[in-house]
């Protein structure tokens, strides 16, 4: 997935546990784990806002777009080279 969640980095910088973070944001630790592990399909802006407020950071500190290389199929004429 090209969107990488960097919650673990921000938590480590602040020496904050997942449990404390979850409690302060209003999420369950299981939902924080889903976000941290990249299994979330979406994040509500209200949740993103709460995470940024608790961590004192910007959304871009928590979310990063990483370009995935395309698996290109060689053109037919290139396959014979």
PDB file of N, CA and C in Angstrom:
ATOM      1  N   UNK A   1       0.847  -1.178   0.000  1.00  0.00           N
ATOM      2  CA  UNK A   1       0.000   0.000   0.000  1.00  0.00           C
ATOM      3  C   UNK A   1       0.889   1.237   0.000  1.00  0.00           C
ATOM      4  N   UNK A   2       0.619   2.192  -0.859  1.00  0.00           N
ATOM      5  CA  UNK A   2       1.505   3.337  -0.967  1.00  0.00           C
ATOM      6  C   UNK A   2       1.408   4.357   0.169  1.00  0.00           C
ATOM      7  N   UNK A   3       0.395   4.283   1.031  1.00  0.00           N
ATOM      8  CA  UNK A   3       0.322   5.174   2.191  1.00  0.00           C
ATOM      9  C   UNK A   3       0.878   4.419   3.396  1.00  0.00           C
ATOM     10  N   UNK A   4       1.929   4.978   3.983  1.00  0.00           N
ATOM     11  CA  UNK A   4       2.574   4.365   5.142  1.00  0.00           C
ATOM     12  C   UNK A   4       2.221   5.185   6.369  1.00  0.00           C
ATOM     13  N   UNK A   5       1.796   4.513   7.437  1.00  0.00           N
ATOM     14  CA  UNK A   5       1.434   5.178   8.683  1.00  0.00           C
ATOM     15  C   UNK A   5       2.649   5.164   9.604  1.00  0.00           C
ATOM     16  N   UNK A   6       3.010   6.322  10.111  1.00  0.00           N
ATOM     17  CA  UNK A   6       4.227   6.488  10.921  1.00  0.00           C
ATOM     18  C   UNK A   6       3.904   6.786  12.394  1.00  0.00           C
ATOM     19  N   UNK A   7       2.809   6.252  12.902  1.00  0.00           N
ATOM     20  CA  UNK A   7       2.451   6.486  14.300  1.00  0.00           C
ATOM     21  C   UNK A   7       3.550   5.981  15.222  1.00  0.00           C
ATOM     22  N   UNK A   8       4.131   4.833  14.913  1.00  0.00           N
ATOM     23  CA  UNK A   8       5.151   4.258  15.785  1.00  0.00           C
ATOM     24  C   UNK A   8       6.349   5.180  15.954  1.00  0.00           C
ATOM     25  N   UNK A   9       6.713   5.891  14.887  1.00  0.00           N
ATOM     26  CA  UNK A   9       7.843   6.820  14.949  1.00  0.00           C
ATOM     27  C   UNK A   9       7.523   7.969  15.905  1.00  0.00           C
ATOM     28  N   UNK A  10       6.314   8.520  15.767  1.00  0.00           N
ATOM     29  CA  UNK A  10       5.923   9.651  16.617  1.00  0.00           C
ATOM     30  C   UNK A  10       5.756   9.216  18.074  1.00  0.00           C
ATOM     31  N   UNK A  11       5.248   8.017  18.291  1.00  0.00           N
ATOM     32  CA  UNK A  11       5.128   7.513  19.664  1.00  0.00           C
ATOM     33  C   UNK A  11       6.512   7.322  20.285  1.00  0.00           C
ATOM     34  N   UNK A  12       7.441   6.789  19.523  1.00  0.00           N
ATOM     35  CA  UNK A  12       8.792   6.563  20.032  1.00  0.00           C
ATOM     36  C   UNK A  12       9.472   7.886  20.378  1.00  0.00           C
ATOM     37  N   UNK A  13       9.293   8.908  19.545  1.00  0.00           N
ATOM     38  CA  UNK A  13       9.885  10.221  19.819  1.00  0.00           C
ATOM     39  C   UNK A  13       9.408  10.781  21.157  1.00  0.00           C
ATOM     40  N   UNK A  14       8.161  10.466  21.504  1.00  0.00           N
ATOM     41  CA  UNK A  14       7.561  11.006  22.723  1.00  0.00           C
ATOM     42  C   UNK A  14       7.588  10.021  23.891  1.00  0.00           C
ATOM     43  N   UNK A  15       8.156   8.837  23.631  1.00  0.00           N
ATOM     44  CA  UNK A  15       8.190   7.764  24.636  1.00  0.00           C
ATOM     45  C   UNK A  15       6.786   7.514  25.206  1.00  0.00           C
ATOM     46  N   UNK A  16       5.815   7.461  24.282  1.00  0.00           N
ATOM     47  CA  UNK A  16       4.416   7.253  24.662  1.00  0.00           C
ATOM     48  C   UNK A  16       4.009   5.835  24.275  1.00  0.00           C
ATOM     49  N   UNK A  17       3.321   5.161  25.164  1.00  0.00           N
ATOM     50  CA  UNK A  17       2.874   3.798  24.881  1.00  0.00           C
ATOM     51  C   UNK A  17       1.635   3.825  23.986  1.00  0.00           C
ATOM     52  N   UNK A  18       1.393   2.708  23.331  1.00  0.00           N
ATOM     53  CA  UNK A  18       0.195   2.572  22.499  1.00  0.00           C
ATOM     54  C   UNK A  18      -1.047   2.714  23.364  1.00  0.00           C
ATOM     55  N   UNK A  19      -1.014   2.145  24.559  1.00  0.00           N
ATOM     56  CA  UNK A  19      -2.169   2.226  25.457  1.00  0.00           C
ATOM     57  C   UNK A  19      -2.493   3.653  25.847  1.00  0.00           C
ATOM     58  N   UNK A  20      -1.469   4.423  26.207  1.00  0.00           N
ATOM     59  CA  UNK A  20      -1.690   5.820  26.576  1.00  0.00           C
ATOM     60  C   UNK A  20      -2.203   6.617  25.387  1.00  0.00           C
ATOM     61  N   UNK A  21      -1.578   6.396  24.233  1.00  0.00           N
ATOM     62  CA  UNK A  21      -1.999   7.081  23.008  1.00  0.00           C
ATOM     63  C   UNK A  21      -3.447   6.753  22.676  1.00  0.00           C
ATOM     64  N   UNK A  22      -3.791   5.481  22.705  1.00  0.00           N
ATOM     65  CA  UNK A  22      -5.156   5.053  22.394  1.00  0.00           C
ATOM     66  C   UNK A  22      -6.150   5.717  23.333  1.00  0.00           C
ATOM     67  N   UNK A  23      -5.829   5.732  24.616  1.00  0.00           N
ATOM     68  CA  UNK A  23      -6.714   6.329  25.617  1.00  0.00           C
ATOM     69  C   UNK A  23      -6.907   7.821  25.361  1.00  0.00           C
ATOM     70  N   UNK A  24      -5.835   8.519  25.092  1.00  0.00           N
ATOM     71  CA  UNK A  24      -5.897   9.967  24.895  1.00  0.00           C
ATOM     72  C   UNK A  24      -6.586  10.351  23.589  1.00  0.00           C
ATOM     73  N   UNK A  25      -6.468   9.507  22.566  1.00  0.00           N
ATOM     74  CA  UNK A  25      -7.109   9.782  21.278  1.00  0.00           C
ATOM     75  C   UNK A  25      -8.573   9.341  21.285  1.00  0.00           C
ATOM     76  N   UNK A  26      -8.881   8.328  22.095  1.00  0.00           N
ATOM     77  CA  UNK A  26     -10.243   7.802  22.125  1.00  0.00           C
ATOM     78  C   UNK A  26     -10.430   6.604  21.221  1.00  0.00           C
ATOM     79  N   UNK A  27      -9.355   5.846  21.020  1.00  0.00           N
ATOM     80  CA  UNK A  27      -9.397   4.622  20.220  1.00  0.00           C
ATOM     81  C   UNK A  27      -9.091   3.433  21.114  1.00  0.00           C
ATOM     82  N   UNK A  28      -9.392   2.252  20.624  1.00  0.00           N
ATOM     83  CA  UNK A  28      -8.961   1.052  21.334  1.00  0.00           C
ATOM     84  C   UNK A  28      -7.519   0.755  20.907  1.00  0.00           C
ATOM     85  N   UNK A  29      -6.745   0.104  21.776  1.00  0.00           N
ATOM     86  CA  UNK A  29      -5.396  -0.292  21.359  1.00  0.00           C
ATOM     87  C   UNK A  29      -5.408  -1.161  20.096  1.00  0.00           C
ATOM     88  N   UNK A  30      -6.450  -1.968  19.938  1.00  0.00           N
ATOM     89  CA  UNK A  30      -6.556  -2.803  18.733  1.00  0.00           C
ATOM     90  C   UNK A  30      -6.694  -1.945  17.481  1.00  0.00           C
ATOM     91  N   UNK A  31      -7.470  -0.866  17.560  1.00  0.00           N
ATOM     92  CA  UNK A  31      -7.617   0.017  16.398  1.00  0.00           C
ATOM     93  C   UNK A  31      -6.330   0.783  16.113  1.00  0.00           C
ATOM     94  N   UNK A  32      -5.589   1.144  17.148  1.00  0.00           N
ATOM     95  CA  UNK A  32      -4.289   1.777  16.933  1.00  0.00           C
ATOM     96  C   UNK A  32      -3.365   0.788  16.224  1.00  0.00           C
ATOM     97  N   UNK A  33      -3.411  -0.477  16.621  1.00  0.00           N
ATOM     98  CA  UNK A  33      -2.583  -1.501  15.981  1.00  0.00           C
ATOM     99  C   UNK A  33      -2.945  -1.644  14.506  1.00  0.00           C
ATOM    100  N   UNK A  34      -4.225  -1.581  14.187  1.00  0.00           N
ATOM    101  CA  UNK A  34      -4.662  -1.660  12.786  1.00  0.00           C
ATOM    102  C   UNK A  34      -4.070  -0.507  11.988  1.00  0.00           C
ATOM    103  N   UNK A  35      -4.077   0.681  12.569  1.00  0.00           N
ATOM    104  CA  UNK A  35      -3.480   1.841  11.899  1.00  0.00           C
ATOM    105  C   UNK A  35      -1.974   1.677  11.758  1.00  0.00           C
ATOM    106  N   UNK A  36      -1.313   1.303  12.846  1.00  0.00           N
ATOM    107  CA  UNK A  36       0.146   1.171  12.839  1.00  0.00           C
ATOM    108  C   UNK A  36       0.630   0.130  11.847  1.00  0.00           C
ATOM    109  N   UNK A  37      -0.105  -0.939  11.697  1.00  0.00           N
ATOM    110  CA  UNK A  37       0.317  -2.052  10.850  1.00  0.00           C
ATOM    111  C   UNK A  37      -0.108  -1.894   9.392  1.00  0.00           C
ATOM    112  N   UNK A  38      -0.721  -0.761   9.075  1.00  0.00           N
ATOM    113  CA  UNK A  38      -1.096  -0.502   7.689  1.00  0.00           C
ATOM    114  C   UNK A  38      -2.286  -1.291   7.199  1.00  0.00           C
ATOM    115  N   UNK A  39      -3.091  -1.813   8.106  1.00  0.00           N
ATOM    116  CA  UNK A  39      -4.263  -2.600   7.697  1.00  0.00           C
ATOM    117  C   UNK A  39      -5.524  -1.749   7.583  1.00  0.00           C
ATOM    118  N   UNK A  40      -5.461  -0.477   7.975  1.00  0.00           N
ATOM    119  CA  UNK A  40      -6.634   0.398   7.900  1.00  0.00           C
ATOM    120  C   UNK A  40      -6.883   0.794   6.451  1.00  0.00           C
ATOM    121  N   UNK A  41      -8.129   0.838   6.071  1.00  0.00           N
ATOM    122  CA  UNK A  41      -8.501   1.254   4.728  1.00  0.00           C
ATOM    123  C   UNK A  41      -8.831   2.739   4.681  1.00  0.00           C
ATOM    124  N   UNK A  42      -9.115   3.342   5.833  1.00  0.00           N
ATOM    125  CA  UNK A  42      -9.490   4.757   5.883  1.00  0.00           C
ATOM    126  C   UNK A  42      -9.252   5.281   7.298  1.00  0.00           C
ATOM    127  N   UNK A  43      -9.143   6.601   7.397  1.00  0.00           N
ATOM    128  CA  UNK A  43      -9.024   7.279   8.690  1.00  0.00           C
ATOM    129  C   UNK A  43      -9.943   8.491   8.635  1.00  0.00           C
ATOM    130  N   UNK A  44     -10.778   8.648   9.643  1.00  0.00           N
ATOM    131  CA  UNK A  44     -11.636   9.830   9.715  1.00  0.00           C
ATOM    132  C   UNK A  44     -10.779  11.048  10.035  1.00  0.00           C
ATOM    133  N   UNK A  45     -11.160  12.178   9.452  1.00  0.00           N
ATOM    134  CA  UNK A  45     -10.433  13.409   9.751  1.00  0.00           C
ATOM    135  C   UNK A  45     -10.495  13.727  11.242  1.00  0.00           C
ATOM    136  N   UNK A  46     -11.596  13.421  11.891  1.00  0.00           N
ATOM    137  CA  UNK A  46     -11.695  13.699  13.334  1.00  0.00           C
ATOM    138  C   UNK A  46     -10.686  12.851  14.117  1.00  0.00           C
ATOM    139  N   UNK A  47     -10.452  11.626  13.670  1.00  0.00           N
ATOM    140  CA  UNK A  47      -9.456  10.770  14.318  1.00  0.00           C
ATOM    141  C   UNK A  47      -8.052  11.285  14.031  1.00  0.00           C
ATOM    142  N   UNK A  48      -7.796  11.676  12.793  1.00  0.00           N
ATOM    143  CA  UNK A  48      -6.495  12.231  12.431  1.00  0.00           C
ATOM    144  C   UNK A  48      -6.223  13.503  13.224  1.00  0.00           C
ATOM    145  N   UNK A  49      -7.239  14.330  13.367  1.00  0.00           N
ATOM    146  CA  UNK A  49      -7.105  15.562  14.148  1.00  0.00           C
ATOM    147  C   UNK A  49      -6.758  15.240  15.600  1.00  0.00           C
ATOM    148  N   UNK A  50      -7.442  14.266  16.184  1.00  0.00           N
ATOM    149  CA  UNK A  50      -7.178  13.883  17.574  1.00  0.00           C
ATOM    150  C   UNK A  50      -5.758  13.331  17.730  1.00  0.00           C
ATOM    151  N   UNK A  51      -5.318  12.531  16.774  1.00  0.00           N
ATOM    152  CA  UNK A  51      -3.962  11.980  16.837  1.00  0.00           C
ATOM    153  C   UNK A  51      -2.928  13.105  16.775  1.00  0.00           C
ATOM    154  N   UNK A  52      -3.146  14.067  15.881  1.00  0.00           N
ATOM    155  CA  UNK A  52      -2.224  15.192  15.756  1.00  0.00           C
ATOM    156  C   UNK A  52      -2.232  16.053  17.022  1.00  0.00           C
ATOM    157  N   UNK A  53      -3.395  16.242  17.599  1.00  0.00           N
ATOM    158  CA  UNK A  53      -3.496  17.039  18.826  1.00  0.00           C
ATOM    159  C   UNK A  53      -2.728  16.370  19.960  1.00  0.00           C
ATOM    160  N   UNK A  54      -2.918  15.059  20.131  1.00  0.00           N
ATOM    161  CA  UNK A  54      -2.259  14.315  21.200  1.00  0.00           C
ATOM    162  C   UNK A  54      -0.747  14.298  21.002  1.00  0.00           C
ATOM    163  N   UNK A  55      -0.302  14.142  19.765  1.00  0.00           N
ATOM    164  CA  UNK A  55       1.132  14.038  19.490  1.00  0.00           C
ATOM    165  C   UNK A  55       1.794  15.383  19.204  1.00  0.00           C
ATOM    166  N   UNK A  56       0.991  16.433  19.023  1.00  0.00           N
ATOM    167  CA  UNK A  56       1.551  17.740  18.703  1.00  0.00           C
ATOM    168  C   UNK A  56       2.284  17.733  17.380  1.00  0.00           C
ATOM    169  N   UNK A  57       1.664  17.136  16.373  1.00  0.00           N
ATOM    170  CA  UNK A  57       2.315  17.015  15.072  1.00  0.00           C
ATOM    171  C   UNK A  57       1.343  17.358  13.954  1.00  0.00           C
ATOM    172  N   UNK A  58       1.828  17.297  12.734  1.00  0.00           N
ATOM    173  CA  UNK A  58       1.027  17.543  11.541  1.00  0.00           C
ATOM    174  C   UNK A  58       0.627  16.207  10.910  1.00  0.00           C
ATOM    175  N   UNK A  59      -0.463  16.180  10.131  1.00  0.00           N
ATOM    176  CA  UNK A  59      -0.865  14.930   9.468  1.00  0.00           C
ATOM    177  C   UNK A  59       0.264  14.300   8.654  1.00  0.00           C
ATOM    178  N   UNK A  60       1.086  15.117   8.028  1.00  0.00           N
ATOM    179  CA  UNK A  60       2.197  14.602   7.236  1.00  0.00           C
ATOM    180  C   UNK A  60       3.267  13.909   8.066  1.00  0.00           C
ATOM    181  N   UNK A  61       3.266  14.142   9.376  1.00  0.00           N
ATOM    182  CA  UNK A  61       4.190  13.425  10.254  1.00  0.00           C
ATOM    183  C   UNK A  61       3.708  11.997  10.506  1.00  0.00           C
ATOM    184  N   UNK A  62       2.413  11.786  10.317  1.00  0.00           N
ATOM    185  CA  UNK A  62       1.813  10.471  10.589  1.00  0.00           C
ATOM    186  C   UNK A  62       1.592   9.649   9.326  1.00  0.00           C
ATOM    187  N   UNK A  63       1.401  10.304   8.201  1.00  0.00           N
ATOM    188  CA  UNK A  63       1.081   9.616   6.955  1.00  0.00           C
ATOM    189  C   UNK A  63       2.095  10.002   5.889  1.00  0.00           C
ATOM    190  N   UNK A  64       2.579   9.002   5.170  1.00  0.00           N
ATOM    191  CA  UNK A  64       3.542   9.251   4.104  1.00  0.00           C
ATOM    192  C   UNK A  64       3.133   8.456   2.875  1.00  0.00           C
ATOM    193  N   UNK A  65       3.151   9.112   1.728  1.00  0.00           N
ATOM    194  CA  UNK A  65       2.894   8.422   0.471  1.00  0.00           C
ATOM    195  C   UNK A  65       4.219   7.927  -0.073  1.00  0.00           C
ATOM    196  N   UNK A  66       4.274   6.639  -0.379  1.00  0.00           N
ATOM    197  CA  UNK A  66       5.477   6.027  -0.927  1.00  0.00           C
ATOM    198  C   UNK A  66       5.111   5.445  -2.283  1.00  0.00           C
ATOM    199  N   UNK A  67       5.815   5.892  -3.300  1.00  0.00           N
ATOM    200  CA  UNK A  67       5.548   5.420  -4.660  1.00  0.00           C
ATOM    201  C   UNK A  67       6.005   3.977  -4.793  1.00  0.00           C
ATOM    202  N   UNK A  68       5.101   3.121  -5.222  1.00  0.00           N
ATOM    203  CA  UNK A  68       5.452   1.726  -5.465  1.00  0.00           C
ATOM    204  C   UNK A  68       5.806   1.564  -6.931  1.00  0.00           C
ATOM    205  N   UNK A  69       6.925   0.930  -7.221  1.00  0.00           N
ATOM    206  CA  UNK A  69       7.268   0.721  -8.635  1.00  0.00           C
ATOM    207  C   UNK A  69       6.238  -0.185  -9.293  1.00  0.00           C
ATOM    208  N   UNK A  70       5.881   0.182 -10.498  1.00  0.00           N
ATOM    209  CA  UNK A  70       4.923  -0.634 -11.247  1.00  0.00           C
ATOM    210  C   UNK A  70       5.623  -1.881 -11.753  1.00  0.00           C
ATOM    211  N   UNK A  71       4.891  -2.967 -11.755  1.00  0.00           N
ATOM    212  CA  UNK A  71       5.446  -4.190 -12.329  1.00  0.00           C
ATOM    213  C   UNK A  71       5.096  -4.166 -13.814  1.00  0.00           C
ATOM    214  N   UNK A  72       6.008  -3.639 -14.575  1.00  0.00           N
ATOM    215  CA  UNK A  72       5.769  -3.448 -16.003  1.00  0.00           C
ATOM    216  C   UNK A  72       5.954  -4.754 -16.759  1.00  0.00           C
ATOM    217  N   UNK A  73       5.106  -4.968 -17.699  1.00  0.00           N
ATOM    218  CA  UNK A  73       5.222  -6.113 -18.605  1.00  0.00           C
ATOM    219  C   UNK A  73       6.006  -5.634 -19.800  1.00  0.00           C
ATOM    220  N   UNK A  74       7.069  -6.340 -20.160  1.00  0.00           N
ATOM    221  CA  UNK A  74       7.868  -5.877 -21.309  1.00  0.00           C
ATOM    222  C   UNK A  74       7.046  -5.872 -22.593  1.00  0.00           C
ATOM    223  N   UNK A  75       7.353  -4.901 -23.420  1.00  0.00           N
ATOM    224  CA  UNK A  75       6.710  -4.826 -24.716  1.00  0.00           C
ATOM    225  C   UNK A  75       7.099  -6.085 -25.506  1.00  0.00           C
ATOM    226  N   UNK A  76       6.252  -6.573 -26.392  1.00  0.00           N
ATOM    227  CA  UNK A  76       6.562  -7.798 -27.137  1.00  0.00           C
ATOM    228  C   UNK A  76       7.907  -7.751 -27.838  1.00  0.00           C
ATOM    229  N   UNK A  77       8.258  -6.606 -28.437  1.00  0.00           N
ATOM    230  CA  UNK A  77       9.535  -6.536 -29.147  1.00  0.00           C
ATOM    231  C   UNK A  77      10.715  -6.511 -28.180  1.00  0.00           C
ATOM    232  N   UNK A  78      10.522  -6.086 -26.924  1.00  0.00           N
ATOM    233  CA  UNK A  78      11.589  -6.073 -25.947  1.00  0.00           C
ATOM    234  C   UNK A  78      11.842  -7.451 -25.341  1.00  0.00           C
ATOM    235  N   UNK A  79      10.847  -8.311 -25.371  1.00  0.00           N
ATOM    236  CA  UNK A  79      10.970  -9.625 -24.774  1.00  0.00           C
ATOM    237  C   UNK A  79      11.970 -10.513 -25.511  1.00  0.00           C
ATOM    238  N   UNK A  80      12.221 -10.217 -26.758  1.00  0.00           N
ATOM    239  CA  UNK A  80      13.108 -11.047 -27.566  1.00  0.00           C
ATOM    240  C   UNK A  80      14.542 -10.548 -27.600  1.00  0.00           C
ATOM    241  N   UNK A  81      14.849  -9.502 -26.910  1.00  0.00           N
ATOM    242  CA  UNK A  81      16.217  -8.955 -26.930  1.00  0.00           C
ATOM    243  C   UNK A  81      17.149  -9.742 -26.068  1.00  0.00           C
TER     244      UNK A  81
END
